[in-house]
Amino acid sequence: MHRIDIISVQPKLMESPLSHSIVQRAKDKGIVEIVLHDLKQFGLGKYKQVDDTVYGGGAGMVIRCEPVFDCINALKAE
């Protein structure tokens, strides 16, 4: 069985697309295991912040590297 870990700021949004069609059939047959991880669990500070100041003045979101590194290190430790 292949395990796929998906790290997301909004993991609930990923549940629906991953529970239909080919992906769901692969999960049902035990070919793949998909595990969703909430990046906010590794966020910084009181509000579990995962984003940082936008560089360049444009719109969008910049993900901080610390929560990503912490999440990946936790996954490697499993």
PDB file of N, CA and C in Angstrom:
ATOM      1  N   MET A   1       0.848  -1.177   0.000  1.00  0.00           N
ATOM      2  CA  MET A   1       0.000   0.000   0.000  1.00  0.00           C
ATOM      3  C   MET A   1       0.891   1.237   0.000  1.00  0.00           C
ATOM      4  N   HIS A   2       0.527   2.192  -0.821  1.00  0.00           N
ATOM      5  CA  HIS A   2       1.233   3.468  -0.875  1.00  0.00           C
ATOM      6  C   HIS A   2       0.541   4.447   0.062  1.00  0.00           C
ATOM      7  N   ARG A   3       1.356   5.195   0.795  1.00  0.00           N
ATOM      8  CA  ARG A   3       0.802   6.216   1.681  1.00  0.00           C
ATOM      9  C   ARG A   3       1.131   7.580   1.099  1.00  0.00           C
ATOM     10  N   ILE A   4       0.112   8.413   1.014  1.00  0.00           N
ATOM     11  CA  ILE A   4       0.286   9.777   0.526  1.00  0.00           C
ATOM     12  C   ILE A   4      -0.131  10.714   1.649  1.00  0.00           C
ATOM     13  N   ASP A   5       0.795  11.566   2.076  1.00  0.00           N
ATOM     14  CA  ASP A   5       0.512  12.559   3.110  1.00  0.00           C
ATOM     15  C   ASP A   5       0.321  13.906   2.430  1.00  0.00           C
ATOM     16  N   ILE A   6      -0.801  14.547   2.704  1.00  0.00           N
ATOM     17  CA  ILE A   6      -1.099  15.855   2.134  1.00  0.00           C
ATOM     18  C   ILE A   6      -1.168  16.864   3.271  1.00  0.00           C
ATOM     19  N   ILE A   7      -0.352  17.900   3.158  1.00  0.00           N
ATOM     20  CA  ILE A   7      -0.313  18.974   4.149  1.00  0.00           C
ATOM     21  C   ILE A   7      -1.094  20.150   3.577  1.00  0.00           C
ATOM     22  N   SER A   8      -2.052  20.660   4.349  1.00  0.00           N
ATOM     23  CA  SER A   8      -2.905  21.733   3.850  1.00  0.00           C
ATOM     24  C   SER A   8      -3.298  22.679   4.983  1.00  0.00           C
ATOM     25  N   VAL A   9      -3.517  23.932   4.626  1.00  0.00           N
ATOM     26  CA  VAL A   9      -4.036  24.902   5.582  1.00  0.00           C
ATOM     27  C   VAL A   9      -5.530  24.647   5.796  1.00  0.00           C
ATOM     28  N   GLN A  10      -6.198  24.085   4.803  1.00  0.00           N
ATOM     29  CA  GLN A  10      -7.626  23.770   4.872  1.00  0.00           C
ATOM     30  C   GLN A  10      -7.853  22.305   4.482  1.00  0.00           C
ATOM     31  N   PRO A  11      -7.492  21.352   5.334  1.00  0.00           N
ATOM     32  CA  PRO A  11      -7.613  19.940   4.958  1.00  0.00           C
ATOM     33  C   PRO A  11      -9.048  19.482   4.714  1.00  0.00           C
ATOM     34  N   LYS A  12     -10.030  20.125   5.337  1.00  0.00           N
ATOM     35  CA  LYS A  12     -11.434  19.739   5.116  1.00  0.00           C
ATOM     36  C   LYS A  12     -11.841  19.939   3.655  1.00  0.00           C
ATOM     37  N   LEU A  13     -11.240  20.930   2.986  1.00  0.00           N
ATOM     38  CA  LEU A  13     -11.552  21.169   1.580  1.00  0.00           C
ATOM     39  C   LEU A  13     -11.044  20.047   0.680  1.00  0.00           C
ATOM     40  N   MET A  14     -10.062  19.296   1.156  1.00  0.00           N
ATOM     41  CA  MET A  14      -9.481  18.213   0.359  1.00  0.00           C
ATOM     42  C   MET A  14     -10.253  16.906   0.500  1.00  0.00           C
ATOM     43  N   GLU A  15     -11.081  16.780   1.525  1.00  0.00           N
ATOM     44  CA  GLU A  15     -11.776  15.515   1.778  1.00  0.00           C
ATOM     45  C   GLU A  15     -12.703  15.119   0.636  1.00  0.00           C
ATOM     46  N   SER A  16     -13.489  16.041   0.137  1.00  0.00           N
ATOM     47  CA  SER A  16     -14.458  15.712  -0.903  1.00  0.00           C
ATOM     48  C   SER A  16     -13.807  15.256  -2.207  1.00  0.00           C
ATOM     49  N   PRO A  17     -12.838  15.989  -2.763  1.00  0.00           N
ATOM     50  CA  PRO A  17     -12.247  15.521  -4.021  1.00  0.00           C
ATOM     51  C   PRO A  17     -11.518  14.185  -3.884  1.00  0.00           C
ATOM     52  N   LEU A  18     -11.071  13.863  -2.677  1.00  0.00           N
ATOM     53  CA  LEU A  18     -10.333  12.616  -2.474  1.00  0.00           C
ATOM     54  C   LEU A  18     -11.247  11.444  -2.123  1.00  0.00           C
ATOM     55  N   SER A  19     -12.543  11.680  -2.107  1.00  0.00           N
ATOM     56  CA  SER A  19     -13.463  10.595  -1.757  1.00  0.00           C
ATOM     57  C   SER A  19     -14.375  10.218  -2.924  1.00  0.00           C
ATOM     58  N   HIS A  20     -13.921  10.464  -4.131  1.00  0.00           N
ATOM     59  CA  HIS A  20     -14.705  10.146  -5.323  1.00  0.00           C
ATOM     60  C   HIS A  20     -13.808   9.534  -6.396  1.00  0.00           C
ATOM     61  N   SER A  21     -14.431   8.902  -7.352  1.00  0.00           N
ATOM     62  CA  SER A  21     -13.811   8.443  -8.586  1.00  0.00           C
ATOM     63  C   SER A  21     -12.643   7.495  -8.358  1.00  0.00           C
ATOM     64  N   ILE A  22     -11.606   7.662  -9.148  1.00  0.00           N
ATOM     65  CA  ILE A  22     -10.461   6.748  -9.144  1.00  0.00           C
ATOM     66  C   ILE A  22      -9.771   6.724  -7.786  1.00  0.00           C
ATOM     67  N   VAL A  23      -9.654   7.874  -7.160  1.00  0.00           N
ATOM     68  CA  VAL A  23      -8.977   7.941  -5.862  1.00  0.00           C
ATOM     69  C   VAL A  23      -9.715   7.095  -4.829  1.00  0.00           C
ATOM     70  N   GLN A  24     -11.026   7.211  -4.772  1.00  0.00           N
ATOM     71  CA  GLN A  24     -11.800   6.432  -3.799  1.00  0.00           C
ATOM     72  C   GLN A  24     -11.716   4.937  -4.098  1.00  0.00           C
ATOM     73  N   ARG A  25     -11.744   4.568  -5.365  1.00  0.00           N
ATOM     74  CA  ARG A  25     -11.627   3.144  -5.713  1.00  0.00           C
ATOM     75  C   ARG A  25     -10.277   2.591  -5.276  1.00  0.00           C
ATOM     76  N   ALA A  26      -9.222   3.365  -5.462  1.00  0.00           N
ATOM     77  CA  ALA A  26      -7.891   2.928  -5.023  1.00  0.00           C
ATOM     78  C   ALA A  26      -7.845   2.783  -3.506  1.00  0.00           C
ATOM     79  N   LYS A  27      -8.485   3.700  -2.784  1.00  0.00           N
ATOM     80  CA  LYS A  27      -8.541   3.598  -1.324  1.00  0.00           C
ATOM     81  C   LYS A  27      -9.330   2.367  -0.902  1.00  0.00           C
ATOM     82  N   ASP A  28     -10.457   2.103  -1.561  1.00  0.00           N
ATOM     83  CA  ASP A  28     -11.293   0.946  -1.228  1.00  0.00           C
ATOM     84  C   ASP A  28     -10.566  -0.377  -1.455  1.00  0.00           C
ATOM     85  N   LYS A  29      -9.730  -0.430  -2.484  1.00  0.00           N
ATOM     86  CA  LYS A  29      -8.990  -1.656  -2.806  1.00  0.00           C
ATOM     87  C   LYS A  29      -7.710  -1.802  -1.982  1.00  0.00           C
ATOM     88  N   GLY A  30      -7.397  -0.804  -1.166  1.00  0.00           N
ATOM     89  CA  GLY A  30      -6.200  -0.869  -0.340  1.00  0.00           C
ATOM     90  C   GLY A  30      -4.920  -0.583  -1.102  1.00  0.00           C
ATOM     91  N   ILE A  31      -5.028   0.059  -2.242  1.00  0.00           N
ATOM     92  CA  ILE A  31      -3.855   0.392  -3.048  1.00  0.00           C
ATOM     93  C   ILE A  31      -3.146   1.615  -2.482  1.00  0.00           C
ATOM     94  N   VAL A  32      -3.935   2.544  -1.965  1.00  0.00           N
ATOM     95  CA  VAL A  32      -3.372   3.798  -1.485  1.00  0.00           C
ATOM     96  C   VAL A  32      -4.056   4.203  -0.182  1.00  0.00           C
ATOM     97  N   GLU A  33      -3.277   4.841   0.671  1.00  0.00           N
ATOM     98  CA  GLU A  33      -3.799   5.446   1.900  1.00  0.00           C
ATOM     99  C   GLU A  33      -3.465   6.928   1.824  1.00  0.00           C
ATOM    100  N   ILE A  34      -4.466   7.766   1.946  1.00  0.00           N
ATOM    101  CA  ILE A  34      -4.257   9.211   1.881  1.00  0.00           C
ATOM    102  C   ILE A  34      -4.537   9.793   3.256  1.00  0.00           C
ATOM    103  N   VAL A  35      -3.534  10.494   3.794  1.00  0.00           N
ATOM    104  CA  VAL A  35      -3.647  11.075   5.129  1.00  0.00           C
ATOM    105  C   VAL A  35      -3.532  12.593   4.994  1.00  0.00           C
ATOM    106  N   LEU A  36      -4.543  13.296   5.487  1.00  0.00           N
ATOM    107  CA  LEU A  36      -4.545  14.757   5.450  1.00  0.00           C
ATOM    108  C   LEU A  36      -4.012  15.308   6.769  1.00  0.00           C
ATOM    109  N   HIS A  37      -3.173  16.326   6.673  1.00  0.00           N
ATOM    110  CA  HIS A  37      -2.581  16.943   7.859  1.00  0.00           C
ATOM    111  C   HIS A  37      -2.891  18.435   7.850  1.00  0.00           C
ATOM    112  N   ASP A  38      -3.314  18.948   8.991  1.00  0.00           N
ATOM    113  CA  ASP A  38      -3.644  20.360   9.141  1.00  0.00           C
ATOM    114  C   ASP A  38      -2.384  21.126   9.523  1.00  0.00           C
ATOM    115  N   LEU A  39      -1.918  21.987   8.626  1.00  0.00           N
ATOM    116  CA  LEU A  39      -0.699  22.756   8.873  1.00  0.00           C
ATOM    117  C   LEU A  39      -0.850  23.660  10.089  1.00  0.00           C
ATOM    118  N   LYS A  40      -2.069  24.085  10.393  1.00  0.00           N
ATOM    119  CA  LYS A  40      -2.283  24.985  11.529  1.00  0.00           C
ATOM    120  C   LYS A  40      -1.950  24.328  12.865  1.00  0.00           C
ATOM    121  N   GLN A  41      -1.919  23.004  12.926  1.00  0.00           N
ATOM    122  CA  GLN A  41      -1.506  22.330  14.160  1.00  0.00           C
ATOM    123  C   GLN A  41      -0.055  22.652  14.495  1.00  0.00           C
ATOM    124  N   PHE A  42       0.704  23.070  13.499  1.00  0.00           N
ATOM    125  CA  PHE A  42       2.115  23.375  13.688  1.00  0.00           C
ATOM    126  C   PHE A  42       2.378  24.877  13.594  1.00  0.00           C
ATOM    127  N   GLY A  43       1.305  25.674  13.598  1.00  0.00           N
ATOM    128  CA  GLY A  43       1.424  27.120  13.477  1.00  0.00           C
ATOM    129  C   GLY A  43       2.107  27.752  14.680  1.00  0.00           C
ATOM    130  N   LEU A  44       2.487  28.996  14.495  1.00  0.00           N
ATOM    131  CA  LEU A  44       3.240  29.725  15.511  1.00  0.00           C
ATOM    132  C   LEU A  44       2.346  30.661  16.312  1.00  0.00           C
ATOM    133  N   GLY A  45       2.639  30.764  17.581  1.00  0.00           N
ATOM    134  CA  GLY A  45       1.957  31.727  18.433  1.00  0.00           C
ATOM    135  C   GLY A  45       0.586  31.294  18.903  1.00  0.00           C
ATOM    136  N   LYS A  46      -0.061  32.230  19.556  1.00  0.00           N
ATOM    137  CA  LYS A  46      -1.363  32.003  20.175  1.00  0.00           C
ATOM    138  C   LYS A  46      -2.439  31.624  19.147  1.00  0.00           C
ATOM    139  N   TYR A  47      -2.334  32.186  17.942  1.00  0.00           N
ATOM    140  CA  TYR A  47      -3.351  31.957  16.917  1.00  0.00           C
ATOM    141  C   TYR A  47      -2.932  30.912  15.885  1.00  0.00           C
ATOM    142  N   LYS A  48      -1.837  30.194  16.153  1.00  0.00           N
ATOM    143  CA  LYS A  48      -1.348  29.136  15.250  1.00  0.00           C
ATOM    144  C   LYS A  48      -1.161  29.662  13.824  1.00  0.00           C
ATOM    145  N   GLN A  49      -0.455  30.778  13.717  1.00  0.00           N
ATOM    146  CA  GLN A  49      -0.258  31.458  12.441  1.00  0.00           C
ATOM    147  C   GLN A  49       0.668  30.655  11.533  1.00  0.00           C
ATOM    148  N   VAL A  50       0.255  30.471  10.286  1.00  0.00           N
ATOM    149  CA  VAL A  50       1.074  29.759   9.308  1.00  0.00           C
ATOM    150  C   VAL A  50       1.482  30.657   8.149  1.00  0.00           C
ATOM    151  N   ASP A  51       0.878  31.849   8.057  1.00  0.00           N
ATOM    152  CA  ASP A  51       1.224  32.745   6.957  1.00  0.00           C
ATOM    153  C   ASP A  51       2.100  33.885   7.443  1.00  0.00           C
ATOM    154  N   ASP A  52       2.737  34.540   6.485  1.00  0.00           N
ATOM    155  CA  ASP A  52       3.673  35.617   6.782  1.00  0.00           C
ATOM    156  C   ASP A  52       3.320  36.817   5.905  1.00  0.00           C
ATOM    157  N   THR A  53       4.055  37.886   6.078  1.00  0.00           N
ATOM    158  CA  THR A  53       3.847  39.096   5.305  1.00  0.00           C
ATOM    159  C   THR A  53       4.101  38.822   3.829  1.00  0.00           C
ATOM    160  N   VAL A  54       3.230  39.357   2.991  1.00  0.00           N
ATOM    161  CA  VAL A  54       3.389  39.200   1.547  1.00  0.00           C
ATOM    162  C   VAL A  54       4.546  40.070   1.088  1.00  0.00           C
ATOM    163  N   TYR A  55       5.417  39.500   0.285  1.00  0.00           N
ATOM    164  CA  TYR A  55       6.559  40.233  -0.251  1.00  0.00           C
ATOM    165  C   TYR A  55       6.192  40.786  -1.623  1.00  0.00           C
ATOM    166  N   GLY A  56       6.592  42.003  -1.903  1.00  0.00           N
ATOM    167  CA  GLY A  56       6.345  42.586  -3.209  1.00  0.00           C
ATOM    168  C   GLY A  56       5.042  43.357  -3.312  1.00  0.00           C
ATOM    169  N   GLY A  57       4.243  43.356  -2.259  1.00  0.00           N
ATOM    170  CA  GLY A  57       3.042  44.171  -2.248  1.00  0.00           C
ATOM    171  C   GLY A  57       1.839  43.616  -2.980  1.00  0.00           C
ATOM    172  N   GLY A  58       1.943  42.456  -3.581  1.00  0.00           N
ATOM    173  CA  GLY A  58       0.803  41.879  -4.297  1.00  0.00           C
ATOM    174  C   GLY A  58      -0.135  41.137  -3.370  1.00  0.00           C
ATOM    175  N   ALA A  59      -1.220  40.689  -3.939  1.00  0.00           N
ATOM    176  CA  ALA A  59      -2.189  39.908  -3.175  1.00  0.00           C
ATOM    177  C   ALA A  59      -1.698  38.473  -3.039  1.00  0.00           C
ATOM    178  N   GLY A  60      -2.199  37.785  -2.049  1.00  0.00           N
ATOM    179  CA  GLY A  60      -1.846  36.377  -1.882  1.00  0.00           C
ATOM    180  C   GLY A  60      -1.428  36.061  -0.465  1.00  0.00           C
ATOM    181  N   MET A  61      -0.879  34.887  -0.317  1.00  0.00           N
ATOM    182  CA  MET A  61      -0.489  34.391   1.000  1.00  0.00           C
ATOM    183  C   MET A  61       0.877  33.731   0.896  1.00  0.00           C
ATOM    184  N   VAL A  62       1.732  34.029   1.850  1.00  0.00           N
ATOM    185  CA  VAL A  62       3.053  33.416   1.915  1.00  0.00           C
ATOM    186  C   VAL A  62       3.067  32.488   3.122  1.00  0.00           C
ATOM    187  N   ILE A  63       3.333  31.227   2.900  1.00  0.00           N
ATOM    188  CA  ILE A  63       3.387  30.247   3.985  1.00  0.00           C
ATOM    189  C   ILE A  63       4.753  30.334   4.664  1.00  0.00           C
ATOM    190  N   ARG A  64       4.742  30.400   5.986  1.00  0.00           N
ATOM    191  CA  ARG A  64       5.991  30.417   6.755  1.00  0.00           C
ATOM    192  C   ARG A  64       6.661  29.054   6.649  1.00  0.00           C
ATOM    193  N   CYS A  65       7.976  29.035   6.668  1.00  0.00           N
ATOM    194  CA  CYS A  65       8.692  27.765   6.532  1.00  0.00           C
ATOM    195  C   CYS A  65       8.681  26.947   7.825  1.00  0.00           C
ATOM    196  N   GLU A  66       8.624  27.601   8.986  1.00  0.00           N
ATOM    197  CA  GLU A  66       8.711  26.871  10.253  1.00  0.00           C
ATOM    198  C   GLU A  66       7.601  25.832  10.432  1.00  0.00           C
ATOM    199  N   PRO A  67       6.326  26.195  10.223  1.00  0.00           N
ATOM    200  CA  PRO A  67       5.279  25.175  10.374  1.00  0.00           C
ATOM    201  C   PRO A  67       5.423  24.020   9.378  1.00  0.00           C
ATOM    202  N   VAL A  68       5.861  24.330   8.165  1.00  0.00           N
ATOM    203  CA  VAL A  68       6.047  23.278   7.157  1.00  0.00           C
ATOM    204  C   VAL A  68       7.151  22.328   7.599  1.00  0.00           C
ATOM    205  N   PHE A  69       8.285  22.868   8.032  1.00  0.00           N
ATOM    206  CA  PHE A  69       9.393  22.025   8.495  1.00  0.00           C
ATOM    207  C   PHE A  69       8.976  21.192   9.698  1.00  0.00           C
ATOM    208  N   ASP A  70       8.261  21.801  10.647  1.00  0.00           N
ATOM    209  CA  ASP A  70       7.820  21.066  11.839  1.00  0.00           C
ATOM    210  C   ASP A  70       6.877  19.923  11.469  1.00  0.00           C
ATOM    211  N   CYS A  71       5.983  20.172  10.536  1.00  0.00           N
ATOM    212  CA  CYS A  71       5.042  19.137  10.104  1.00  0.00           C
ATOM    213  C   CYS A  71       5.778  17.997   9.401  1.00  0.00           C
ATOM    214  N   ILE A  72       6.684  18.322   8.508  1.00  0.00           N
ATOM    215  CA  ILE A  72       7.443  17.284   7.797  1.00  0.00           C
ATOM    216  C   ILE A  72       8.294  16.483   8.766  1.00  0.00           C
ATOM    217  N   ASN A  73       8.926  17.140   9.718  1.00  0.00           N
ATOM    218  CA  ASN A  73       9.731  16.419  10.711  1.00  0.00           C
ATOM    219  C   ASN A  73       8.866  15.488  11.556  1.00  0.00           C
ATOM    220  N   ALA A  74       7.659  15.919  11.898  1.00  0.00           N
ATOM    221  CA  ALA A  74       6.745  15.056  12.658  1.00  0.00           C
ATOM    222  C   ALA A  74       6.340  13.839  11.830  1.00  0.00           C
ATOM    223  N   LEU A  75       6.129  14.037  10.532  1.00  0.00           N
ATOM    224  CA  LEU A  75       5.774  12.913   9.657  1.00  0.00           C
ATOM    225  C   LEU A  75       6.935  11.935   9.512  1.00  0.00           C
ATOM    226  N   LYS A  76       8.144  12.460   9.421  1.00  0.00           N
ATOM    227  CA  LYS A  76       9.322  11.583   9.316  1.00  0.00           C
ATOM    228  C   LYS A  76       9.516  10.764  10.583  1.00  0.00           C
ATOM    229  N   ALA A  77       9.127  11.328  11.726  1.00  0.00           N
ATOM    230  CA  ALA A  77       9.305  10.634  13.005  1.00  0.00           C
ATOM    231  C   ALA A  77       8.304   9.493  13.186  1.00  0.00           C
ATOM    232  N   GLU A  78       7.224   9.483  12.405  1.00  0.00           N
ATOM    233  CA  GLU A  78       6.212   8.415  12.525  1.00  0.00           C
ATOM    234  C   GLU A  78       6.759   7.077  12.072  1.00  0.00           C
TER     235      GLU A  78
END
